[in-house]
């Protein structure tokens, strides 16, 4: 992953965190910074999933794959937060 792809993933990720929270409404015990981190991590998960599914090493997650990755992470976060509560 080149520098431009990394920067693009981070920029998309910040927006994606907020979109994932909108897609999965409900009370989440995380603040805005954690939401942004969730989106950035979701972009990386989306990139990983895209590379696994499409078999291209140069694949970089777009909007939809980033949302899917962030939603997956948000669901996992909710499961973990529910267990520890």
Protein backbone atom coordinates (compact mmCIF):
# COMPACT_ATOMS: atom_id res chain seq x y z
CA UNK A 1 0.00 0.00 0.00
CA UNK A 2 1.53 3.28 -1.12
CA UNK A 3 1.47 6.55 0.75
CA UNK A 4 -1.36 7.98 -1.35
CA UNK A 5 -3.51 4.90 -0.73
CA UNK A 6 -2.80 5.10 2.99
CA UNK A 7 -3.79 8.77 3.16
CA UNK A 8 -6.93 8.11 1.11
CA UNK A 9 -7.87 5.23 3.43
CA UNK A 10 -7.54 7.45 6.49
CA UNK A 11 -9.59 10.29 4.97
CA UNK A 12 -12.37 7.93 3.92
CA UNK A 13 -12.16 6.18 7.28
CA UNK A 14 -12.98 9.27 9.31
CA UNK A 15 -16.18 9.78 7.32
CA UNK A 16 -16.98 6.07 7.32
CA UNK A 17 -16.99 5.87 11.12
CA UNK A 18 -19.85 8.33 11.24
CA UNK A 19 -21.70 6.56 8.42
CA UNK A 20 -21.39 3.20 10.21
CA UNK A 21 -22.90 4.67 13.35
CA UNK A 22 -25.75 6.06 11.24
CA UNK A 23 -26.31 2.69 9.51
CA UNK A 24 -26.41 0.84 12.85
CA UNK A 25 -28.40 3.14 15.11
CA UNK A 26 -28.42 2.54 18.80
CA UNK A 27 -26.61 3.62 21.89
CA UNK A 28 -22.88 3.05 21.53
CA UNK A 29 -20.56 3.62 24.47
CA UNK A 30 -17.95 5.37 22.30
CA UNK A 31 -17.18 9.01 21.64
CA UNK A 32 -16.38 10.83 18.45
CA UNK A 33 -12.69 9.96 18.46
CA UNK A 34 -13.44 6.24 18.82
CA UNK A 35 -15.98 6.60 16.00
CA UNK A 36 -13.30 8.06 13.75
CA UNK A 37 -10.86 5.30 14.73
CA UNK A 38 -13.59 2.75 14.00
CA UNK A 39 -14.01 4.19 10.50
CA UNK A 40 -10.29 4.20 9.79
CA UNK A 41 -9.99 0.60 10.98
CA UNK A 42 -13.08 -0.24 8.91
CA UNK A 43 -11.35 1.09 5.82
CA UNK A 44 -8.40 -1.18 6.48
CA UNK A 45 -10.75 -4.13 7.05
CA UNK A 46 -12.58 -3.23 3.84
CA UNK A 47 -9.30 -3.12 1.96
CA UNK A 48 -8.31 -6.50 3.39
CA UNK A 49 -11.69 -8.04 2.49
CA UNK A 50 -11.53 -6.57 -0.99
CA UNK A 51 -8.07 -8.00 -1.57
CA UNK A 52 -9.25 -11.40 -0.34
CA UNK A 53 -12.42 -11.36 -2.46
CA UNK A 54 -11.08 -9.78 -5.65
CA UNK A 55 -7.51 -11.10 -5.51
CA UNK A 56 -5.85 -7.84 -6.46
CA UNK A 57 -2.92 -6.71 -4.34
CA UNK A 58 -3.46 -3.11 -5.47
CA UNK A 59 -7.11 -3.02 -4.28
CA UNK A 60 -7.93 -0.10 -2.00
CA UNK A 61 -11.30 0.04 -0.23
CA UNK A 62 -13.82 2.43 -1.58
CA UNK A 63 -16.83 3.84 0.19
CA UNK A 64 -18.99 0.71 0.23
CA UNK A 65 -16.27 -1.73 1.32
CA UNK A 66 -15.18 0.71 4.01
CA UNK A 67 -18.73 0.94 5.35
CA UNK A 68 -18.98 -2.86 5.37
CA UNK A 69 -15.68 -3.12 7.26
CA UNK A 70 -16.71 -0.46 9.79
CA UNK A 71 -20.11 -2.07 10.34
CA UNK A 72 -18.42 -5.42 11.00
CA UNK A 73 -16.09 -3.78 13.52
CA UNK A 74 -18.96 -1.89 15.14
CA UNK A 75 -20.90 -5.13 15.58
CA UNK A 76 -17.82 -6.77 17.12
CA UNK A 77 -17.31 -3.76 19.39
CA UNK A 78 -20.91 -3.96 20.59
CA UNK A 79 -20.57 -7.68 21.32
CA UNK A 80 -17.38 -7.11 23.33
CA UNK A 81 -18.79 -4.09 25.18
CA UNK A 82 -21.95 -6.05 26.04
CA UNK A 83 -19.91 -8.93 27.54
CA UNK A 84 -17.79 -6.67 29.71
CA UNK A 85 -20.77 -4.71 31.04
